[in-house]
C-alpha atoms as a PDB file:
ATOM      1  CA  MET A   1      29.438  -9.835   8.520  1.00  0.00           C
ATOM      2  CA  ASN A   2      26.004  -9.068   7.103  1.00  0.00           C
ATOM      3  CA  TRP A   3      25.014  -7.007  10.178  1.00  0.00           C
ATOM      4  CA  LEU A   4      27.204  -4.079   9.095  1.00  0.00           C
ATOM      5  CA  PRO A   5      25.594  -0.779   8.003  1.00  0.00           C
ATOM      6  CA  ASN A   6      25.467   0.320   4.376  1.00  0.00           C
ATOM      7  CA  ALA A   7      26.896   3.792   4.892  1.00  0.00           C
ATOM      8  CA  SER A   8      30.455   4.482   5.978  1.00  0.00           C
ATOM      9  CA  LEU A   9      31.291   6.552   9.042  1.00  0.00           C
ATOM     10  CA  ALA A  10      32.255   9.384   6.670  1.00  0.00           C
ATOM     11  CA  GLN A  11      28.757   9.274   5.182  1.00  0.00           C
ATOM     12  CA  LEU A  12      27.121   9.332   8.609  1.00  0.00           C
ATOM     13  CA  LYS A  13      29.152  12.417   9.475  1.00  0.00           C
ATOM     14  CA  ALA A  14      28.264  14.020   6.130  1.00  0.00           C
ATOM     15  CA  ARG A  15      24.557  13.502   6.849  1.00  0.00           C
ATOM     16  CA  ALA A  16      24.932  15.027  10.306  1.00  0.00           C
ATOM     17  CA  ALA A  17      26.726  18.045   8.803  1.00  0.00           C
ATOM     18  CA  MET A  18      23.987  18.446   6.169  1.00  0.00           C
ATOM     19  CA  LEU A  19      21.259  18.373   8.808  1.00  0.00           C
ATOM     20  CA  ASN A  20      23.186  20.894  10.881  1.00  0.00           C
ATOM     21  CA  THR A  21      23.424  23.202   7.830  1.00  0.00           C
ATOM     22  CA  ILE A  22      19.683  22.849   7.189  1.00  0.00           C
ATOM     23  CA  ARG A  23      18.724  23.630  10.768  1.00  0.00           C
ATOM     24  CA  GLY A  24      21.094  26.597  10.874  1.00  0.00           C
ATOM     25  CA  PHE A  25      19.641  27.899   7.594  1.00  0.00           C
ATOM     26  CA  PHE A  26      16.080  27.891   8.928  1.00  0.00           C
ATOM     27  CA  SER A  27      17.109  29.166  12.340  1.00  0.00           C
ATOM     28  CA  ARG A  28      18.595  32.277  10.713  1.00  0.00           C
ATOM     29  CA  LEU A  29      15.344  32.761   8.788  1.00  0.00           C
ATOM     30  CA  GLN A  30      13.323  32.255  11.994  1.00  0.00           C
ATOM     31  CA  VAL A  31      11.349  29.407  10.422  1.00  0.00           C
ATOM     32  CA  LEU A  32       9.914  27.089  13.091  1.00  0.00           C
ATOM     33  CA  GLU A  33      10.835  23.398  13.123  1.00  0.00           C
ATOM     34  CA  VAL A  34       7.799  21.147  13.705  1.00  0.00           C
ATOM     35  CA  GLU A  35       7.023  17.455  14.004  1.00  0.00           C
ATOM     36  CA  THR A  36       3.886  15.721  12.712  1.00  0.00           C
ATOM     37  CA  PRO A  37       2.630  12.096  12.722  1.00  0.00           C
ATOM     38  CA  SER A  38       3.881   9.359  10.430  1.00  0.00           C
ATOM     39  CA  LEU A  39       0.558   7.529  10.750  1.00  0.00           C
ATOM     40  CA  SER A  40      -2.801   8.824   9.549  1.00  0.00           C
ATOM     41  CA  GLN A  41      -6.360   7.568   9.217  1.00  0.00           C
ATOM     42  CA  ALA A  42      -6.401   8.933   5.640  1.00  0.00           C
ATOM     43  CA  ALA A  43      -4.140   8.469   2.643  1.00  0.00           C
ATOM     44  CA  VAL A  44      -3.081  10.175  -0.580  1.00  0.00           C
ATOM     45  CA  THR A  45      -5.252   9.707  -3.665  1.00  0.00           C
ATOM     46  CA  ASP A  46      -2.512  10.426  -6.234  1.00  0.00           C
ATOM     47  CA  VAL A  47      -2.360   7.451  -8.625  1.00  0.00           C
ATOM     48  CA  HIS A  48       1.449   7.669  -8.711  1.00  0.00           C
ATOM     49  CA  LEU A  49       1.873   7.348  -4.930  1.00  0.00           C
ATOM     50  CA  HIS A  50       1.429   4.072  -3.059  1.00  0.00           C
ATOM     51  CA  CYS A  51       1.003   4.023   0.719  1.00  0.00           C
ATOM     52  CA  PHE A  52       1.960   1.386   3.226  1.00  0.00           C
ATOM     53  CA  LYS A  53      -1.124   0.330   5.190  1.00  0.00           C
ATOM     54  CA  THR A  54      -1.227  -1.053   8.700  1.00  0.00           C
ATOM     55  CA  GLN A  55      -3.811  -1.555  11.450  1.00  0.00           C
ATOM     56  CA  PHE A  56      -4.288  -0.187  14.954  1.00  0.00           C
ATOM     57  CA  VAL A  57      -5.712  -2.912  17.173  1.00  0.00           C
ATOM     58  CA  GLY A  58      -5.511  -1.137  20.539  1.00  0.00           C
ATOM     59  CA  ARG A  59      -8.957   0.470  20.602  1.00  0.00           C
ATOM     60  CA  ASN A  60     -11.491   2.317  18.549  1.00  0.00           C
ATOM     61  CA  ILE A  61     -10.538   5.819  17.379  1.00  0.00           C
ATOM     62  CA  SER A  62     -13.183   8.469  18.006  1.00  0.00           C
ATOM     63  CA  ASP A  63     -16.192   7.616  15.839  1.00  0.00           C
ATOM     64  CA  LYS A  64     -14.230   5.363  13.473  1.00  0.00           C
ATOM     65  CA  PRO A  65     -15.775   1.877  13.295  1.00  0.00           C
ATOM     66  CA  LEU A  66     -13.508  -1.106  13.701  1.00  0.00           C
ATOM     67  CA  VAL A  67     -12.820  -3.052  10.508  1.00  0.00           C
ATOM     68  CA  ASP A  68     -12.145  -6.704  11.232  1.00  0.00           C
ATOM     69  CA  GLY A  69     -11.282  -5.702  14.779  1.00  0.00           C
ATOM     70  CA  ALA A  70      -8.833  -2.953  13.852  1.00  0.00           C
ATOM     71  CA  VAL A  71      -8.628   0.650  12.605  1.00  0.00           C
ATOM     72  CA  PRO A  72      -6.813   1.068   9.241  1.00  0.00           C
ATOM     73  CA  LEU A  73      -3.864   3.480   9.341  1.00  0.00           C
ATOM     74  CA  TYR A  74      -1.502   4.656   6.610  1.00  0.00           C
ATOM     75  CA  LEU A  75       2.180   5.553   6.756  1.00  0.00           C
ATOM     76  CA  GLN A  76       2.584   9.030   5.311  1.00  0.00           C
ATOM     77  CA  THR A  77       4.167   9.631   1.900  1.00  0.00           C
ATOM     78  CA  SER A  78       4.784  13.243   2.977  1.00  0.00           C
ATOM     79  CA  PRO A  79       4.090  15.367   6.075  1.00  0.00           C
ATOM     80  CA  GLU A  80       2.243  17.877   3.869  1.00  0.00           C
ATOM     81  CA  PHE A  81      -1.335  17.363   5.054  1.00  0.00           C
ATOM     82  CA  HIS A  82      -0.540  17.697   8.757  1.00  0.00           C
ATOM     83  CA  MET A  83       1.833  20.616   8.178  1.00  0.00           C
ATOM     84  CA  LYS A  84      -0.862  22.521   6.313  1.00  0.00           C
ATOM     85  CA  ARG A  85      -3.221  21.956   9.221  1.00  0.00           C
ATOM     86  CA  LEU A  86      -0.599  23.643  11.423  1.00  0.00           C
ATOM     87  CA  LEU A  87      -0.313  26.508   8.926  1.00  0.00           C
ATOM     88  CA  ALA A  88      -4.086  26.926   8.868  1.00  0.00           C
ATOM     89  CA  ALA A  89      -4.052  27.059  12.681  1.00  0.00           C
ATOM     90  CA  GLY A  90      -1.614  30.000  12.603  1.00  0.00           C
ATOM     91  CA  SER A  91       1.834  28.428  12.987  1.00  0.00           C
ATOM     92  CA  GLY A  92       3.536  30.816  10.578  1.00  0.00           C
ATOM     93  CA  SER A  93       6.393  29.593   8.360  1.00  0.00           C
ATOM     94  CA  ILE A  94       7.469  26.053   9.279  1.00  0.00           C
ATOM     95  CA  TYR A  95       9.798  23.233   8.238  1.00  0.00           C
ATOM     96  CA  GLN A  96      10.229  19.574   9.086  1.00  0.00           C
ATOM     97  CA  VAL A  97      12.843  16.856   8.604  1.00  0.00           C
ATOM     98  CA  SER A  98      10.998  13.557   8.624  1.00  0.00           C
ATOM     99  CA  LYS A  99      10.946   9.931   7.571  1.00  0.00           C
ATOM    100  CA  VAL A 100       8.342   9.185   4.906  1.00  0.00           C
ATOM    101  CA  TYR A 101       7.233   5.972   3.249  1.00  0.00           C
ATOM    102  CA  ARG A 102       6.291   5.008  -0.302  1.00  0.00           C
ATOM    103  CA  ASN A 103       5.453   1.442  -1.264  1.00  0.00           C
ATOM    104  CA  GLU A 104       7.449   1.378  -4.478  1.00  0.00           C
ATOM    105  CA  GLU A 105      10.358  -0.645  -5.803  1.00  0.00           C
ATOM    106  CA  SER A 106      13.745   0.123  -4.294  1.00  0.00           C
ATOM    107  CA  GLY A 107      16.455   1.162  -6.711  1.00  0.00           C
ATOM    108  CA  ARG A 108      19.352   3.487  -7.389  1.00  0.00           C
ATOM    109  CA  TYR A 109      17.469   6.586  -6.246  1.00  0.00           C
ATOM    110  CA  HIS A 110      14.702   5.169  -4.068  1.00  0.00           C
ATOM    111  CA  ASN A 111      14.363   3.352  -0.763  1.00  0.00           C
ATOM    112  CA  PRO A 112      10.795   2.712   0.504  1.00  0.00           C
ATOM    113  CA  GLU A 113      11.648   4.596   3.715  1.00  0.00           C
ATOM    114  CA  PHE A 114      13.476   7.856   3.087  1.00  0.00           C
ATOM    115  CA  SER A 115      14.214  11.278   4.566  1.00  0.00           C
ATOM    116  CA  LEU A 116      12.388  14.386   3.423  1.00  0.00           C
ATOM    117  CA  LEU A 117      12.811  18.086   4.132  1.00  0.00           C
ATOM    118  CA  GLU A 118       9.557  19.942   3.699  1.00  0.00           C
ATOM    119  CA  TRP A 119       9.017  23.637   4.330  1.00  0.00           C
ATOM    120  CA  TYR A 120       6.343  26.294   3.911  1.00  0.00           C
ATOM    121  CA  ARG A 121       6.834  30.041   3.716  1.00  0.00           C
ATOM    122  CA  VAL A 122       3.845  32.214   4.552  1.00  0.00           C
ATOM    123  CA  GLY A 123       3.505  35.196   2.183  1.00  0.00           C
ATOM    124  CA  PHE A 124       5.688  33.590  -0.518  1.00  0.00           C
ATOM    125  CA  ASN A 125       4.733  32.546  -4.026  1.00  0.00           C
ATOM    126  CA  HIS A 126       6.572  29.709  -5.776  1.00  0.00           C
ATOM    127  CA  HIS A 127       9.081  32.041  -7.445  1.00  0.00           C
ATOM    128  CA  GLN A 128      10.080  33.524  -4.085  1.00  0.00           C
ATOM    129  CA  LEU A 129      10.425  30.005  -2.708  1.00  0.00           C
ATOM    130  CA  MET A 130      12.697  29.087  -5.627  1.00  0.00           C
ATOM    131  CA  ASP A 131      14.865  32.090  -4.690  1.00  0.00           C
ATOM    132  CA  GLU A 132      15.158  30.820  -1.113  1.00  0.00           C
ATOM    133  CA  MET A 133      15.744  27.240  -2.173  1.00  0.00           C
ATOM    134  CA  THR A 134      18.572  28.426  -4.418  1.00  0.00           C
ATOM    135  CA  GLN A 135      20.456  29.604  -1.317  1.00  0.00           C
ATOM    136  CA  LEU A 136      20.045  26.255   0.446  1.00  0.00           C
ATOM    137  CA  LEU A 137      21.049  24.174  -2.581  1.00  0.00           C
ATOM    138  CA  MET A 138      24.179  26.236  -3.171  1.00  0.00           C
ATOM    139  CA  ALA A 139      25.135  25.957   0.500  1.00  0.00           C
ATOM    140  CA  ILE A 140      24.804  22.158   0.605  1.00  0.00           C
ATOM    141  CA  LEU A 141      25.880  21.180  -2.909  1.00  0.00           C
ATOM    142  CA  ASN A 142      28.568  23.854  -3.350  1.00  0.00           C
ATOM    143  CA  CYS A 143      27.151  24.239  -6.859  1.00  0.00           C
ATOM    144  CA  LEU A 144      26.652  27.032  -9.370  1.00  0.00           C
ATOM    145  CA  GLU A 145      23.462  29.083  -9.162  1.00  0.00           C
ATOM    146  CA  PRO A 146      20.492  27.032 -10.429  1.00  0.00           C
ATOM    147  CA  THR A 147      18.894  27.791 -13.781  1.00  0.00           C
ATOM    148  CA  ARG A 148      15.161  28.028 -14.501  1.00  0.00           C
ATOM    149  CA  CYS A 149      12.937  27.125 -17.430  1.00  0.00           C
ATOM    150  CA  THR A 150       9.248  26.523 -17.991  1.00  0.00           C
ATOM    151  CA  TYR A 151       7.880  23.038 -18.610  1.00  0.00           C
ATOM    152  CA  GLN A 152       6.756  24.249 -22.032  1.00  0.00           C
ATOM    153  CA  ASP A 153      10.234  25.550 -22.952  1.00  0.00           C
ATOM    154  CA  ALA A 154      11.821  22.271 -21.851  1.00  0.00           C
ATOM    155  CA  PHE A 155       9.619  20.383 -24.317  1.00  0.00           C
ATOM    156  CA  PHE A 156      10.257  22.930 -27.070  1.00  0.00           C
ATOM    157  CA  THR A 157      14.020  22.649 -26.563  1.00  0.00           C
ATOM    158  CA  HIS A 158      14.381  18.883 -26.302  1.00  0.00           C
ATOM    159  CA  LEU A 159      11.399  17.495 -28.235  1.00  0.00           C
ATOM    160  CA  GLN A 160      10.281  20.396 -30.464  1.00  0.00           C
ATOM    161  CA  VAL A 161       6.662  20.035 -29.364  1.00  0.00           C
ATOM    162  CA  ASP A 162       4.277  22.108 -27.230  1.00  0.00           C
ATOM    163  CA  PRO A 163       3.110  19.997 -24.261  1.00  0.00           C
ATOM    164  CA  LEU A 164       0.234  22.372 -23.551  1.00  0.00           C
ATOM    165  CA  SER A 165      -1.444  22.192 -26.958  1.00  0.00           C
ATOM    166  CA  ALA A 166      -0.172  19.045 -28.696  1.00  0.00           C
ATOM    167  CA  SER A 167      -2.477  16.071 -29.175  1.00  0.00           C
ATOM    168  CA  ASN A 168      -1.539  12.620 -27.921  1.00  0.00           C
ATOM    169  CA  GLU A 169      -0.653  11.650 -31.496  1.00  0.00           C
ATOM    170  CA  GLU A 170       1.654  14.654 -31.879  1.00  0.00           C
ATOM    171  CA  LEU A 171       3.359  13.867 -28.569  1.00  0.00           C
ATOM    172  CA  LYS A 172       3.879  10.245 -29.576  1.00  0.00           C
ATOM    173  CA  LEU A 173       5.335  11.350 -32.891  1.00  0.00           C
ATOM    174  CA  ALA A 174       7.740  13.706 -31.085  1.00  0.00           C
ATOM    175  CA  GLY A 175       8.906  10.783 -28.954  1.00  0.00           C
ATOM    176  CA  ALA A 176       9.086   8.198 -31.731  1.00  0.00           C
ATOM    177  CA  HIS A 177      12.886   8.416 -31.891  1.00  0.00           C
ATOM    178  CA  LEU A 178      13.175   7.440 -28.217  1.00  0.00           C
ATOM    179  CA  GLU A 179      12.441   3.793 -29.053  1.00  0.00           C
ATOM    180  CA  LEU A 180       9.921   3.362 -26.264  1.00  0.00           C
ATOM    181  CA  GLY A 181       7.907   1.010 -28.439  1.00  0.00           C
ATOM    182  CA  ASP A 182       4.625  -0.323 -27.090  1.00  0.00           C
ATOM    183  CA  VAL A 183       4.954   1.586 -23.814  1.00  0.00           C
ATOM    184  CA  LEU A 184       4.353   4.870 -25.614  1.00  0.00           C
ATOM    185  CA  ASP A 185       2.201   3.551 -28.449  1.00  0.00           C
ATOM    186  CA  ASN A 186      -0.371   1.928 -26.169  1.00  0.00           C
ATOM    187  CA  GLU A 187      -0.748   4.812 -23.709  1.00  0.00           C
ATOM    188  CA  ASP A 188      -3.892   6.960 -23.979  1.00  0.00           C
ATOM    189  CA  ASP A 189      -3.566   9.241 -20.938  1.00  0.00           C
ATOM    190  CA  LYS A 190      -1.933  12.542 -21.922  1.00  0.00           C
ATOM    191  CA  ASP A 191      -0.309  13.206 -18.558  1.00  0.00           C
ATOM    192  CA  THR A 192       1.238   9.739 -18.529  1.00  0.00           C
ATOM    193  CA  ILE A 193       2.586  10.341 -22.040  1.00  0.00           C
ATOM    194  CA  LEU A 194       4.022  13.703 -20.955  1.00  0.00           C
ATOM    195  CA  GLN A 195       5.600  12.172 -17.861  1.00  0.00           C
ATOM    196  CA  LEU A 196       7.171   9.386 -19.909  1.00  0.00           C
ATOM    197  CA  LEU A 197       8.600  11.824 -22.463  1.00  0.00           C
ATOM    198  CA  PHE A 198       9.872  14.135 -19.717  1.00  0.00           C
ATOM    199  CA  CYS A 199      11.621  11.309 -17.844  1.00  0.00           C
ATOM    200  CA  VAL A 200      13.300   9.843 -20.921  1.00  0.00           C
ATOM    201  CA  ALA A 201      14.034  12.867 -23.139  1.00  0.00           C
ATOM    202  CA  ILE A 202      14.327  15.841 -20.783  1.00  0.00           C
ATOM    203  CA  GLU A 203      15.458  14.784 -17.286  1.00  0.00           C
ATOM    204  CA  PRO A 204      18.824  13.394 -18.510  1.00  0.00           C
ATOM    205  CA  LYS A 205      19.641  16.659 -20.298  1.00  0.00           C
ATOM    206  CA  ILE A 206      18.685  19.422 -17.883  1.00  0.00           C
ATOM    207  CA  GLY A 207      20.499  20.505 -14.724  1.00  0.00           C
ATOM    208  CA  GLN A 208      23.794  18.854 -15.577  1.00  0.00           C
ATOM    209  CA  THR A 209      26.154  21.676 -14.582  1.00  0.00           C
ATOM    210  CA  SER A 210      23.900  23.282 -11.970  1.00  0.00           C
ATOM    211  CA  PRO A 211      20.447  22.452 -10.566  1.00  0.00           C
ATOM    212  CA  CYS A 212      17.499  23.353 -12.796  1.00  0.00           C
ATOM    213  CA  PHE A 213      14.086  24.567 -11.677  1.00  0.00           C
ATOM    214  CA  VAL A 214      11.310  23.558 -14.087  1.00  0.00           C
ATOM    215  CA  TYR A 215       8.078  25.457 -13.459  1.00  0.00           C
ATOM    216  CA  ASP A 216       4.598  26.048 -14.932  1.00  0.00           C
ATOM    217  CA  PHE A 217       3.599  22.404 -15.157  1.00  0.00           C
ATOM    218  CA  PRO A 218       0.342  21.596 -17.010  1.00  0.00           C
ATOM    219  CA  ALA A 219      -2.793  22.431 -15.014  1.00  0.00           C
ATOM    220  CA  SER A 220      -3.799  18.760 -15.222  1.00  0.00           C
ATOM    221  CA  GLN A 221      -0.725  18.011 -13.072  1.00  0.00           C
ATOM    222  CA  ALA A 222      -1.449  20.680 -10.474  1.00  0.00           C
ATOM    223  CA  ALA A 223      -1.841  18.205  -7.573  1.00  0.00           C
ATOM    224  CA  LEU A 224      -2.011  20.596  -4.588  1.00  0.00           C
ATOM    225  CA  ALA A 225      -0.903  23.752  -6.428  1.00  0.00           C
ATOM    226  CA  ARG A 226      -2.872  26.770  -7.607  1.00  0.00           C
ATOM    227  CA  ILE A 227      -3.783  27.256 -11.237  1.00  0.00           C
ATOM    228  CA  ASN A 228      -1.846  30.175 -12.713  1.00  0.00           C
ATOM    229  CA  THR A 229      -4.000  33.295 -12.943  1.00  0.00           C
ATOM    230  CA  GLN A 230      -2.255  34.579 -16.087  1.00  0.00           C
ATOM    231  CA  ASP A 231      -2.322  31.295 -18.015  1.00  0.00           C
ATOM    232  CA  THR A 232      -4.901  28.786 -16.824  1.00  0.00           C
ATOM    233  CA  ARG A 233      -3.246  26.049 -18.893  1.00  0.00           C
ATOM    234  CA  VAL A 234      -0.509  25.795 -16.248  1.00  0.00           C
ATOM    235  CA  ALA A 235      -0.184  25.327 -12.501  1.00  0.00           C
ATOM    236  CA  ASP A 236       2.019  27.263 -10.077  1.00  0.00           C
ATOM    237  CA  ARG A 237       4.226  24.243  -9.487  1.00  0.00           C
ATOM    238  CA  PHE A 238       7.949  23.566  -9.865  1.00  0.00           C
ATOM    239  CA  GLU A 239      10.353  20.644  -9.696  1.00  0.00           C
ATOM    240  CA  VAL A 240      14.140  20.625  -9.239  1.00  0.00           C
ATOM    241  CA  TYR A 241      16.582  18.445 -11.180  1.00  0.00           C
ATOM    242  CA  TYR A 242      20.327  18.019 -10.850  1.00  0.00           C
ATOM    243  CA  LYS A 243      22.560  15.555 -12.674  1.00  0.00           C
ATOM    244  CA  SER A 244      19.550  13.492 -13.836  1.00  0.00           C
ATOM    245  CA  ILE A 245      18.065  13.261 -10.335  1.00  0.00           C
ATOM    246  CA  GLU A 246      14.685  14.707  -9.363  1.00  0.00           C
ATOM    247  CA  LEU A 247      15.301  16.462  -6.050  1.00  0.00           C
ATOM    248  CA  ALA A 248      12.200  18.433  -5.129  1.00  0.00           C
ATOM    249  CA  ASN A 249       8.582  19.278  -5.866  1.00  0.00           C
ATOM    250  CA  GLY A 250       7.098  22.642  -4.886  1.00  0.00           C
ATOM    251  CA  PHE A 251       3.788  24.504  -5.074  1.00  0.00           C
ATOM    252  CA  TYR A 252       2.216  27.896  -4.667  1.00  0.00           C
ATOM    253  CA  GLU A 253      -0.282  26.232  -2.389  1.00  0.00           C
ATOM    254  CA  LEU A 254      -3.951  25.811  -3.241  1.00  0.00           C
ATOM    255  CA  ASN A 255      -6.154  27.230  -0.482  1.00  0.00           C
ATOM    256  CA  SER A 256      -9.625  26.155  -1.619  1.00  0.00           C
ATOM    257  CA  SER A 257     -11.305  23.267   0.173  1.00  0.00           C
ATOM    258  CA  ALA A 258     -13.881  22.811  -2.571  1.00  0.00           C
ATOM    259  CA  GLU A 259     -11.306  22.695  -5.379  1.00  0.00           C
ATOM    260  CA  GLN A 260      -9.035  20.281  -3.504  1.00  0.00           C
ATOM    261  CA  LEU A 261     -11.946  17.943  -2.765  1.00  0.00           C
ATOM    262  CA  LYS A 262     -12.842  17.919  -6.479  1.00  0.00           C
ATOM    263  CA  ARG A 263      -9.249  16.948  -7.336  1.00  0.00           C
ATOM    264  CA  PHE A 264      -9.146  14.150  -4.749  1.00  0.00           C
ATOM    265  CA  GLU A 265     -12.466  12.774  -5.987  1.00  0.00           C
ATOM    266  CA  ALA A 266     -11.185  12.905  -9.579  1.00  0.00           C
ATOM    267  CA  ASP A 267      -8.062  10.998  -8.445  1.00  0.00           C
ATOM    268  CA  ASN A 268     -10.220   8.265  -6.955  1.00  0.00           C
ATOM    269  CA  ARG A 269     -12.291   7.992 -10.135  1.00  0.00           C
ATOM    270  CA  LEU A 270      -9.055   7.597 -12.092  1.00  0.00           C
ATOM    271  CA  ARG A 271      -7.890   4.983  -9.585  1.00  0.00           C
ATOM    272  CA  ALA A 272     -11.100   3.028 -10.131  1.00  0.00           C
ATOM    273  CA  ASN A 273     -10.639   3.209 -13.906  1.00  0.00           C
ATOM    274  CA  MET A 274      -7.071   1.936 -13.530  1.00  0.00           C
ATOM    275  CA  GLY A 275      -8.094  -0.936 -11.292  1.00  0.00           C
ATOM    276  CA  LEU A 276      -6.444   0.606  -8.233  1.00  0.00           C
ATOM    277  CA  ALA A 277      -8.034   0.755  -4.798  1.00  0.00           C
ATOM    278  CA  GLU A 278      -9.741   4.045  -3.974  1.00  0.00           C
ATOM    279  CA  MET A 279      -8.111   5.800  -1.031  1.00  0.00           C
ATOM    280  CA  PRO A 280      -9.828   7.433   1.971  1.00  0.00           C
ATOM    281  CA  ILE A 281      -9.814  11.218   1.528  1.00  0.00           C
ATOM    282  CA  ASP A 282      -8.359  13.254   4.383  1.00  0.00           C
ATOM    283  CA  LYS A 283     -11.411  15.379   5.195  1.00  0.00           C
ATOM    284  CA  LYS A 284      -9.654  17.207   8.037  1.00  0.00           C
ATOM    285  CA  PHE A 285      -6.970  18.317   5.592  1.00  0.00           C
ATOM    286  CA  VAL A 286      -9.569  19.370   3.024  1.00  0.00           C
ATOM    287  CA  ASP A 287     -11.507  21.362   5.629  1.00  0.00           C
ATOM    288  CA  CYS A 288      -8.398  23.270   6.741  1.00  0.00           C
ATOM    289  CA  LEU A 289      -7.597  24.652   3.287  1.00  0.00           C
ATOM    290  CA  ASP A 290     -10.129  27.489   3.401  1.00  0.00           C
ATOM    291  CA  HIS A 291      -8.119  28.748   6.385  1.00  0.00           C
ATOM    292  CA  LEU A 292      -4.672  28.224   4.828  1.00  0.00           C
ATOM    293  CA  PRO A 293      -2.670  31.457   4.586  1.00  0.00           C
ATOM    294  CA  ASP A 294      -1.127  32.551   1.302  1.00  0.00           C
ATOM    295  CA  CYS A 295       2.023  30.413   1.127  1.00  0.00           C
ATOM    296  CA  ALA A 296       4.382  28.294  -0.961  1.00  0.00           C
ATOM    297  CA  GLY A 297       5.903  24.959   0.006  1.00  0.00           C
ATOM    298  CA  VAL A 298       8.418  22.416  -1.224  1.00  0.00           C
ATOM    299  CA  ALA A 299       9.508  18.856  -0.429  1.00  0.00           C
ATOM    300  CA  LEU A 300      13.191  18.018  -0.919  1.00  0.00           C
ATOM    301  CA  GLY A 301      14.589  14.472  -0.852  1.00  0.00           C
ATOM    302  CA  LEU A 302      17.480  14.485   1.606  1.00  0.00           C
ATOM    303  CA  ASP A 303      18.987  11.109   0.720  1.00  0.00           C
ATOM    304  CA  ARG A 304      19.250  12.122  -2.939  1.00  0.00           C
ATOM    305  CA  LEU A 305      20.630  15.506  -1.898  1.00  0.00           C
ATOM    306  CA  LEU A 306      23.314  13.760   0.168  1.00  0.00           C
ATOM    307  CA  MET A 307      24.117  11.464  -2.760  1.00  0.00           C
ATOM    308  CA  LEU A 308      24.847  14.514  -4.892  1.00  0.00           C
ATOM    309  CA  ALA A 309      26.723  16.378  -2.169  1.00  0.00           C
ATOM    310  CA  THR A 310      29.052  13.427  -1.529  1.00  0.00           C
ATOM    311  CA  GLU A 311      29.184  12.166  -5.137  1.00  0.00           C
ATOM    312  CA  GLN A 312      27.693   8.737  -4.463  1.00  0.00           C
ATOM    313  CA  ASP A 313      26.186   6.601  -7.235  1.00  0.00           C
ATOM    314  CA  HIS A 314      23.547   4.729  -5.236  1.00  0.00           C
ATOM    315  CA  ILE A 315      21.159   5.735  -2.475  1.00  0.00           C
ATOM    316  CA  ASN A 316      22.258   2.697  -0.438  1.00  0.00           C
ATOM    317  CA  ASP A 317      25.651   4.335   0.011  1.00  0.00           C
ATOM    318  CA  VAL A 318      24.179   7.196   2.055  1.00  0.00           C
ATOM    319  CA  LEU A 319      21.722   5.162   4.168  1.00  0.00           C
ATOM    320  CA  SER A 320      22.756   3.641   7.469  1.00  0.00           C
ATOM    321  CA  PHE A 321      20.595   0.623   6.605  1.00  0.00           C
ATOM    322  CA  ASN A 322      18.635   0.201   3.380  1.00  0.00           C
ATOM    323  CA  ILE A 323      15.492  -1.931   3.030  1.00  0.00           C
ATOM    324  CA  ASP A 324      17.504  -5.079   2.229  1.00  0.00           C
ATOM    325  CA  ASN A 325      19.684  -4.565   5.297  1.00  0.00           C
ATOM    326  CA  SER A 326      16.989  -3.513   7.776  1.00  0.00           C
END
C-alpha cells in the first residue's frame, strides 16, 4: 500500500503538541503570529541556497514585463524578507510557522519542502534572543540548559587553529588528519574551507549532551547580520547544534539598506564566478532595512526539532509525506 503516509499517528500527534507548545510560548510573550507569501518575484542570492522557480501565467504583475509569456516567481527559502518588511512597517515582535522550499538533495536531515519557525524580537540583541530560545528548546526537547561558545573557541578546541587569522594553508594543515583529500586540497575559498572543517571536525563533537549555541561567526559569513562593533572580524550571528544536527540560524539583524545591497551584489558576483545563475535582488526588502527597528531574529527547523524530541533517526519519520511519497 504505497499510498500510506510516512509518519505514524503518534508522530502526527507529537507534531501537533509541539506546535501547540510553540504557539502557547509566543502567546505568553505577546509575540504576534503572522503569515507571509511563499511566492516572491525576487530570490535569495546566497550561493549555498537554491530556490525553486516557477512562472505566473495569469497576467502581468505591476510594471514587471512578461518573460516568454509569464512572470518568474520563486518559492521562498525562508519568510525572512517579508517578515522584515512587516517589522519595518511597525508590526512589533512577530513569529511565523511556515513551509519553506530549498532545491537541494533530500537526505537524513533534509526534505526539499520543510517546516520552519522564524521569529523576531524588537529591542533584542542576539544574546538576548539566545536566552529566549533556551527556554523554548528546553520546553520542547526536555533537555539540559544549552551551552555557548564562540566560533573561534570551537576551532581552537577541536582543530587547534584560529579561524579568524589563519591562512588557507594553515587551515588545510589543521584539517589534514580528516582525510578529506582533494575536496580540501583543491578549495581556494576560505569560507568554504571553514565550512567544510566545521561540518566534519566540529559539528559531530559539540552539543551532544545539551544544545550548543555557536556565536561570533566570521564577518565574511555575516549574511544578514550586523558586524560586531567590538571586534569587526566577527558578525553578530549564531547557530544552534544538538546531537550533530544544525537546528537554527540567528542574527542581530542588519538595518542598513546600503550595506545589505552591497552584500547581495557581492553574492551575485560570486555566483557568476562559480558558474551559477545570478538571482534577482529583492529591492523592496533592501529598501525596508533603513526602517527596520533594532531587533534580533532566528529561524528554527521544526522537522529536525521534532526528530530530536521524538528520537527519530530520519526526517522522513516525522513527515506526513516526504518528497518521494508526495
